[in-house]
Each structure stands twice: as structure tokens, then as C-alpha cells.
Amino acid sequence: MKILVVDDSAFMRTMIINILKDGSHEIIQASNGNEAIARFSEAQPDLVFMDIVMPDKDGVQALKEIKAMDSNAKVVMCTSVGGQEKIVNDAIQAGASDIITKPFRPEEITKVLDNITNF
């Protein structure tokens, strides 16, 4: 599976990547919404893990643009808990496949992968 991991924090990208290393996944990275759109267009990944709050272009706007390119895109939005209910609702309305919260737990990522691949 080809997976795009998008987060403005290199530490958070590394956390997800380390969890995904257990599988035989091809991992692509981006550090903001603009890069996410470009990488998605170039690589056509099977799944995207994307932070909601990022500079330049936030995750919800990037999600909308990715879904405009490919309405079947599987995009899992990542968020910190607290005060982001409206943004989370916006992401769901924009077509997010799932929402996970930081800090990530390996079983959470695995569950999302199972749900998406069996969808």
C-alpha cells in the first residue's frame, strides 16, 4: 500500500511512519497542505494520513482539493483533542474517511488501516 503522511511536525510524521514500518508500505511525506496536494497528484497514494492544523494550507482545505481530484481518495484526518470540534466536523463533511487523535497509538493506526483496506 502506498501511504502519504502529512504533518507540519516532523516528529508526528515519524511517529506514524514508525508504526507503518511493520507493513510493507511505500511511504511518501509532506509537511503542509500544498505539498500534500502536489504529492497526492504525483503519487496517487492508496491512503493519506493528514494533520488538520498546518501552516500555508490547512488539512481540511487540502482534503477538499484532494477529494476534488479523486472523490474515492481515502484520507484519515489527524487532530489533537481540544477545541477542534468544528474543524473535525468540517473534515467529516469534506469527506474524511476517518479521524484519529494525537498522540497516536499503534493499535489505532492498525485499526484504521484494516478498516480502510477492507472498505
Protein backbone atom coordinates (compact mmCIF):
# COMPACT_ATOMS: atom_id res chain seq x y z
CA MET A 1 0.00 0.00 0.00
CA LYS A 2 1.22 3.48 -0.88
CA ILE A 3 0.61 5.90 2.01
CA LEU A 4 1.04 9.68 2.14
CA VAL A 5 1.79 11.07 5.62
CA VAL A 6 1.18 14.81 6.00
CA ASP A 7 2.03 16.82 9.11
CA ASP A 8 3.93 20.05 9.68
CA SER A 9 5.67 18.34 12.61
CA ALA A 10 8.48 16.01 11.53
CA PHE A 11 8.12 14.28 14.90
CA MET A 12 4.46 13.42 14.24
CA ARG A 13 5.25 12.20 10.71
CA THR A 14 7.97 9.99 12.16
CA MET A 15 5.57 8.56 14.75
CA ILE A 16 3.12 7.41 12.07
CA ILE A 17 5.89 6.18 9.78
CA ASN A 18 7.43 4.11 12.57
CA ILE A 19 4.06 2.46 13.19
CA LEU A 20 3.57 1.80 9.47
CA LYS A 21 7.07 0.31 9.05
CA ASP A 22 5.72 -3.01 10.32
CA GLY A 23 3.92 -3.41 6.99
CA SER A 24 5.39 -3.41 3.52
CA HIS A 25 4.10 0.08 2.75
CA GLU A 26 5.61 2.69 0.48
CA ILE A 27 5.62 5.92 2.49
CA ILE A 28 5.52 9.41 0.99
CA GLN A 29 5.78 12.54 3.17
CA ALA A 30 4.58 16.13 3.01
CA SER A 31 4.86 18.92 5.57
CA ASN A 32 1.88 21.12 4.64
CA GLY A 33 -1.36 21.17 2.69
CA ASN A 34 0.17 22.50 -0.53
CA GLU A 35 2.80 19.74 -0.53
CA ALA A 36 0.09 17.18 0.27
CA ILE A 37 -1.88 18.13 -2.83
CA ALA A 38 1.21 18.00 -5.03
CA ARG A 39 2.38 14.63 -3.62
CA PHE A 40 -1.13 13.18 -3.93
CA SER A 41 -1.33 14.27 -7.56
CA GLU A 42 2.12 12.81 -8.35
CA ALA A 43 1.96 9.54 -6.41
CA GLN A 44 -1.77 8.69 -6.27
CA PRO A 45 -1.44 7.03 -2.83
CA ASP A 46 -3.93 4.45 -1.57
CA LEU A 47 -4.28 6.22 1.77
CA VAL A 48 -3.47 9.62 3.29
CA PHE A 49 -2.89 10.43 6.97
CA MET A 50 -3.18 14.23 7.23
CA ASP A 51 -2.91 16.68 10.10
CA ILE A 52 -5.79 19.13 10.31
CA VAL A 53 -3.92 22.20 11.61
CA MET A 54 -0.97 23.17 9.39
CA PRO A 55 0.55 26.38 8.01
CA ASP A 56 0.12 27.55 4.40
CA LYS A 57 -2.96 25.40 3.75
CA ASP A 58 -4.76 23.52 6.49
CA GLY A 59 -5.70 19.87 6.28
CA VAL A 60 -9.40 20.47 5.66
CA GLN A 61 -8.71 22.67 2.62
CA ALA A 62 -6.15 20.16 1.32
CA LEU A 63 -8.70 17.37 1.89
CA LYS A 64 -11.26 19.24 -0.21
CA GLU A 65 -8.77 19.68 -3.04
CA ILE A 66 -7.68 16.04 -2.90
CA LYS A 67 -11.32 14.87 -2.95
CA ALA A 68 -11.92 17.16 -5.97
CA MET A 69 -9.07 15.35 -7.76
CA ASP A 70 -10.22 11.90 -6.66
CA SER A 71 -13.62 11.52 -5.00
CA ASN A 72 -12.63 8.00 -3.86
CA ALA A 73 -9.47 9.17 -2.05
CA LYS A 74 -9.09 7.66 1.42
CA VAL A 75 -7.98 10.45 3.76
CA VAL A 76 -7.66 9.99 7.51
CA MET A 77 -7.50 13.27 9.38
CA CYS A 78 -5.27 13.58 12.45
CA THR A 79 -6.02 16.03 15.24
CA SER A 80 -5.10 16.98 18.76
CA VAL A 81 -8.02 16.86 21.17
CA GLY A 82 -9.41 20.10 22.49
CA GLY A 83 -11.32 22.92 20.90
CA GLN A 84 -11.27 21.49 17.39
CA GLU A 85 -14.81 20.08 17.20
CA LYS A 86 -15.84 22.48 14.43
CA ILE A 87 -12.74 21.68 12.39
CA VAL A 88 -13.33 17.93 12.88
CA ASN A 89 -16.94 18.37 11.72
CA ASP A 90 -15.71 20.33 8.69
CA ALA A 91 -13.31 17.48 7.86
CA ILE A 92 -16.07 14.88 8.09
CA GLN A 93 -18.34 16.97 5.86
CA ALA A 94 -15.48 17.40 3.37
CA GLY A 95 -15.20 13.61 3.03
CA ALA A 96 -12.64 12.42 5.58
CA SER A 97 -12.58 8.62 5.75
CA ASP A 98 -11.76 8.62 9.46
CA ILE A 99 -10.44 10.84 12.27
CA ILE A 100 -7.68 9.84 14.70
CA THR A 101 -6.31 11.78 17.64
CA LYS A 102 -2.76 12.57 18.67
CA PRO A 103 -0.74 11.12 20.25
CA PHE A 104 -1.08 8.08 18.02
CA ARG A 105 -1.25 4.56 19.37
CA PRO A 106 -0.09 1.73 17.11
CA GLU A 107 -3.39 -0.15 17.50
CA GLU A 108 -5.29 2.96 16.36
CA ILE A 109 -3.27 3.19 13.15
CA THR A 110 -3.61 -0.57 12.57
CA LYS A 111 -7.37 -0.40 13.08
CA VAL A 112 -7.68 2.46 10.58
CA LEU A 113 -5.58 0.54 8.04
CA ASP A 114 -7.78 -2.55 8.49
CA ASN A 115 -10.99 -0.51 8.14
CA ILE A 116 -9.79 1.31 5.04
CA THR A 117 -8.36 -1.72 3.25
CA ASN A 118 -11.49 -3.80 3.98
CA PHE A 119 -13.84 -0.98 2.98
